[in-house]
């Protein structure tokens, strides 16, 4: 994994403060751990920061370290280790495009090209501030490849056309429905349930008596028959 660094100083805010709503969530998570183990809340608190601001800044890391009474470097280690945390400013809608083998075989490269066309280079903020796209490893929805995670939700079984429709809808302020973009329920087969066996065979009435045994000789007679 490549080294992950904080955003440069000219992109960092002067300070960070939790909103009253976010602070309630912070108190909830910190209340789940004993006082001597409160640093265990570091990941939830980093996530609250990201949900509030869209990314994790250096002042936010310093505040979390102060609240949890832990060295700043320890918070920094966590923030830089987990790729779920954005360490640079991102657009309002973050597209995480799966590029692992199943998605790649079913058109992920075309999706990445479409993202670049409509949003600009990956890992940057689009000119309108609405989009950032990234290439990520497997997101665990291989049966619905190719797929993209947009913010917190999965959008699956995509084509270039359906991806471009998603982008257009988000630009228009709409909230596209997550899930498959073909006629299937979740990851069930398209066209409904399928089975390798014909249900008519279950009761055995279509079965026919075996004339030969498996692996039996196809020519000649057995010793018993010759006798």
Protein backbone atom coordinates (compact mmCIF):
# COMPACT_ATOMS: atom_id res chain seq x y z
CA UNK A 1 0.00 0.00 0.00
CA UNK A 2 1.31 3.43 -0.90
CA UNK A 3 2.20 5.95 1.79
CA UNK A 4 -0.77 8.13 2.74
CA UNK A 5 -0.08 11.67 3.85
CA UNK A 6 -2.14 14.55 5.15
CA UNK A 7 -3.17 17.35 2.83
CA UNK A 8 -0.58 20.13 2.41
CA UNK A 9 -0.63 23.09 4.79
CA UNK A 10 -2.34 25.42 2.31
CA UNK A 11 -5.37 23.07 2.22
CA UNK A 12 -5.61 22.65 6.00
CA UNK A 13 -8.18 24.69 7.96
CA UNK A 14 -6.97 26.90 10.79
CA UNK A 15 -9.00 24.95 13.33
CA UNK A 16 -11.66 22.28 13.75
CA UNK A 17 -14.71 22.06 15.96
CA UNK A 18 -17.46 19.48 16.23
CA UNK A 19 -20.95 20.75 15.55
CA UNK A 20 -23.47 20.24 18.39
CA UNK A 21 -25.03 17.36 16.44
CA UNK A 22 -21.67 15.70 15.84
CA UNK A 23 -20.67 16.24 19.45
CA UNK A 24 -23.68 14.21 20.59
CA UNK A 25 -22.46 11.32 18.42
CA UNK A 26 -18.95 11.73 19.84
CA UNK A 27 -20.30 11.50 23.39
CA UNK A 28 -22.28 8.40 22.44
CA UNK A 29 -19.18 6.59 21.19
CA UNK A 30 -16.92 7.70 24.00
CA UNK A 31 -19.55 6.48 26.47
CA UNK A 32 -19.16 2.94 25.12
CA UNK A 33 -15.65 2.57 26.56
CA UNK A 34 -14.26 2.68 30.11
CA UNK A 35 -12.31 5.81 30.98
CA UNK A 36 -9.02 3.90 30.86
CA UNK A 37 -9.86 2.59 27.39
CA UNK A 38 -11.42 5.69 25.84
CA UNK A 39 -8.78 5.83 23.10
CA UNK A 40 -10.62 2.82 21.63
CA UNK A 41 -13.09 5.38 20.26
CA UNK A 42 -10.48 6.81 17.88
CA UNK A 43 -11.94 5.20 14.73
CA UNK A 44 -15.55 6.23 15.44
CA UNK A 45 -14.42 9.79 16.19
CA UNK A 46 -12.43 10.00 12.98
CA UNK A 47 -15.52 8.79 11.14
CA UNK A 48 -17.66 11.47 12.80
CA UNK A 49 -15.15 14.08 11.60
CA UNK A 50 -15.37 12.77 8.06
CA UNK A 51 -19.17 12.67 8.08
CA UNK A 52 -19.19 16.28 9.23
CA UNK A 53 -16.50 17.74 6.97
CA UNK A 54 -16.14 15.18 4.18
CA UNK A 55 -12.49 14.57 5.05
CA UNK A 56 -10.09 14.39 8.02
CA UNK A 57 -7.91 17.43 8.60
CA UNK A 58 -4.84 17.87 10.80
CA UNK A 59 -6.64 20.13 13.32
CA UNK A 60 -9.34 17.44 13.67
CA UNK A 61 -6.68 14.82 14.38
CA UNK A 62 -5.16 17.07 17.03
CA UNK A 63 -8.54 17.63 18.68
CA UNK A 64 -9.30 13.90 18.78
CA UNK A 65 -5.90 13.24 20.35
CA UNK A 66 -6.68 15.83 23.02
CA UNK A 67 -10.15 14.43 23.71
CA UNK A 68 -8.91 10.84 23.97
CA UNK A 69 -5.70 11.78 25.82
CA UNK A 70 -3.45 10.00 23.36
CA UNK A 71 -0.40 11.13 21.37
CA UNK A 72 -1.21 12.86 18.09
CA UNK A 73 1.03 10.41 16.25
CA UNK A 74 -1.21 7.51 17.37
CA UNK A 75 -4.30 9.16 15.89
CA UNK A 76 -2.32 9.97 12.76
CA UNK A 77 -1.28 6.31 12.46
CA UNK A 78 -4.91 5.21 12.46
CA UNK A 79 -6.07 7.90 10.05
CA UNK A 80 -3.32 7.14 7.53
CA UNK A 81 -3.68 3.35 7.79
CA UNK A 82 -7.38 3.03 6.95
CA UNK A 83 -8.18 4.05 3.38
CA UNK A 84 -11.80 4.75 4.38
CA UNK A 85 -10.56 8.07 5.75
CA UNK A 86 -10.07 10.87 3.23
CA UNK A 87 -6.99 12.88 4.09
CA UNK A 88 -7.56 15.52 1.40
CA UNK A 89 -10.60 17.64 0.54
CA UNK A 90 -13.12 15.74 -1.60
CA UNK A 91 -16.23 16.58 -3.55
CA UNK A 92 -19.73 16.29 -2.16
CA UNK A 93 -20.13 12.93 -3.90
CA UNK A 94 -17.22 10.50 -3.64
CA UNK A 95 -17.22 7.73 -6.27
CA UNK A 96 -15.18 4.69 -5.29
CA UNK A 97 -14.82 2.62 -8.45
CA UNK A 98 -13.91 -1.01 -7.88
CA UNK A 99 -11.08 -2.01 -10.19
CA UNK A 100 -10.48 -5.58 -9.00
CA UNK A 101 -10.68 -8.52 -11.42
CA UNK A 102 -14.46 -9.30 -11.50
CA UNK A 103 -15.37 -5.63 -12.01
CA UNK A 104 -12.48 -5.12 -14.45
CA UNK A 105 -13.67 -8.06 -16.58
CA UNK A 106 -17.19 -6.62 -16.70
CA UNK A 107 -16.32 -3.07 -17.69
CA UNK A 108 -14.78 -1.20 -14.75
CA UNK A 109 -12.20 0.39 -17.05
CA UNK A 110 -15.02 1.95 -19.07
CA UNK A 111 -16.55 3.29 -15.85
CA UNK A 112 -13.23 4.84 -14.84
CA UNK A 113 -12.94 6.48 -18.25
CA UNK A 114 -16.45 7.91 -17.84
CA UNK A 115 -15.59 9.25 -14.39
CA UNK A 116 -12.48 10.93 -15.76
CA UNK A 117 -14.49 12.42 -18.61
CA UNK A 118 -17.18 13.93 -16.37
CA UNK A 119 -15.24 14.65 -13.17
CA UNK A 120 -11.61 15.12 -14.13
CA UNK A 121 -8.53 13.22 -12.89
CA UNK A 122 -9.02 10.75 -10.06
CA UNK A 123 -8.37 11.82 -6.46
CA UNK A 124 -9.17 15.45 -7.28
CA UNK A 125 -12.24 17.62 -6.72
CA UNK A 126 -14.27 18.46 -9.82
CA UNK A 127 -14.51 22.12 -10.83
CA UNK A 128 -18.07 22.36 -9.53
CA UNK A 129 -17.06 20.84 -6.18
CA UNK A 130 -19.60 18.05 -6.52
CA UNK A 131 -17.43 15.05 -7.34
CA UNK A 132 -14.28 13.12 -6.53
CA UNK A 133 -13.60 9.68 -7.92
CA UNK A 134 -11.13 7.07 -6.74
CA UNK A 135 -10.09 3.60 -7.82
CA UNK A 136 -10.33 1.10 -4.97
CA UNK A 137 -9.84 -2.60 -4.39
CA UNK A 138 -12.64 -5.15 -3.98
CA UNK A 139 -15.74 -3.83 -2.22
CA UNK A 140 -17.27 -7.30 -1.85
CA UNK A 141 -20.04 -7.03 -4.43
CA UNK A 142 -18.45 -9.21 -7.11
CA UNK A 143 -21.76 -10.82 -8.11
CA UNK A 144 -22.99 -7.36 -9.09
CA UNK A 145 -19.91 -6.27 -11.03
CA UNK A 146 -19.12 -3.66 -12.15
CA UNK A 147 -20.07 -1.48 -9.23
CA UNK A 148 -19.32 1.85 -7.59
CA UNK A 149 -19.71 3.02 -4.02
CA UNK A 150 -21.02 6.58 -3.89
CA UNK A 151 -20.61 8.00 -0.40
CA UNK A 152 -22.22 5.34 1.82
CA UNK A 153 -24.12 3.28 -0.75
CA UNK A 154 -23.47 0.69 -3.48
CA UNK A 155 -24.62 1.17 -7.09
CA UNK A 156 -24.27 -2.11 -8.95
CA UNK A 157 -24.49 -3.80 -12.36
CA UNK A 158 -23.53 -0.53 -13.99
CA UNK A 159 -22.88 0.42 -17.59
CA UNK A 160 -21.35 3.63 -18.86
CA UNK A 161 -24.88 4.85 -19.66
CA UNK A 162 -26.28 4.10 -16.20
CA UNK A 163 -23.20 5.64 -14.54
CA UNK A 164 -23.57 8.82 -16.57
CA UNK A 165 -27.25 8.94 -15.56
CA UNK A 166 -26.18 8.71 -11.90
CA UNK A 167 -23.79 11.61 -12.38
CA UNK A 168 -26.46 13.70 -14.10
CA UNK A 169 -29.00 12.96 -11.35
CA UNK A 170 -26.55 13.96 -8.62
CA UNK A 171 -25.74 17.18 -10.47
CA UNK A 172 -29.47 17.92 -10.57
CA UNK A 173 -29.74 17.44 -6.80
CA UNK A 174 -31.58 14.12 -7.04
CA UNK A 175 -30.95 11.10 -4.82
CA UNK A 176 -30.49 8.03 -7.06
CA UNK A 177 -31.67 4.74 -5.61
CA UNK A 178 -28.82 2.42 -4.51
CA UNK A 179 -28.61 -1.23 -5.55
CA UNK A 180 -28.58 -3.09 -8.87
CA UNK A 181 -29.20 -1.22 -12.11
CA UNK A 182 -30.49 -4.30 -13.91
CA UNK A 183 -33.66 -6.29 -13.30
CA UNK A 184 -32.61 -8.31 -10.31
CA UNK A 185 -33.22 -8.30 -6.55
CA UNK A 186 -29.97 -7.60 -4.70
CA UNK A 187 -27.54 -10.23 -6.03
CA UNK A 188 -30.17 -12.77 -7.13
CA UNK A 189 -29.95 -14.02 -10.74
CA UNK A 190 -31.41 -11.83 -13.45
CA UNK A 191 -34.84 -13.04 -14.48
CA UNK A 192 -35.64 -14.66 -11.15
CA UNK A 193 -34.49 -17.73 -9.30
CA UNK A 194 -32.64 -20.43 -11.21
CA UNK A 195 -31.45 -23.94 -10.40
CA UNK A 196 -29.24 -26.46 -12.13
CA UNK A 197 -31.88 -29.16 -11.65
CA UNK A 198 -35.29 -29.43 -13.29
CA UNK A 199 -37.85 -29.44 -10.45
CA UNK A 200 -39.75 -32.17 -12.33
CA UNK A 201 -36.92 -34.55 -11.47
CA UNK A 202 -37.33 -34.14 -7.73
CA UNK A 203 -40.00 -36.85 -7.33
CA UNK A 204 -38.12 -39.27 -9.59
CA UNK A 205 -41.02 -40.04 -11.93
CA UNK A 206 -38.94 -39.06 -14.96
CA UNK A 207 -36.12 -41.34 -14.01
CA UNK A 208 -35.39 -44.33 -16.26
CA UNK A 209 -34.00 -47.72 -15.25
CA UNK A 210 -30.25 -47.99 -15.76
CA UNK A 211 -29.32 -50.40 -18.54
CA UNK A 212 -25.65 -50.40 -17.66
CA UNK A 213 -23.68 -49.65 -14.57
CA UNK A 214 -21.28 -46.73 -14.46
CA UNK A 215 -17.81 -47.65 -15.74
CA UNK A 216 -19.06 -51.08 -16.81
CA UNK A 217 -17.52 -52.64 -19.97
CA UNK A 218 -19.43 -51.66 -23.09
CA UNK A 219 -18.50 -54.76 -25.10
CA UNK A 220 -17.94 -58.44 -24.34
CA UNK A 221 -19.53 -60.64 -21.73
CA UNK A 222 -18.70 -61.07 -18.11
CA UNK A 223 -17.07 -64.32 -16.91
CA UNK A 224 -20.39 -65.38 -15.39
CA UNK A 225 -22.24 -64.87 -18.70
CA UNK A 226 -19.56 -66.87 -20.64
CA UNK A 227 -19.89 -69.75 -18.23
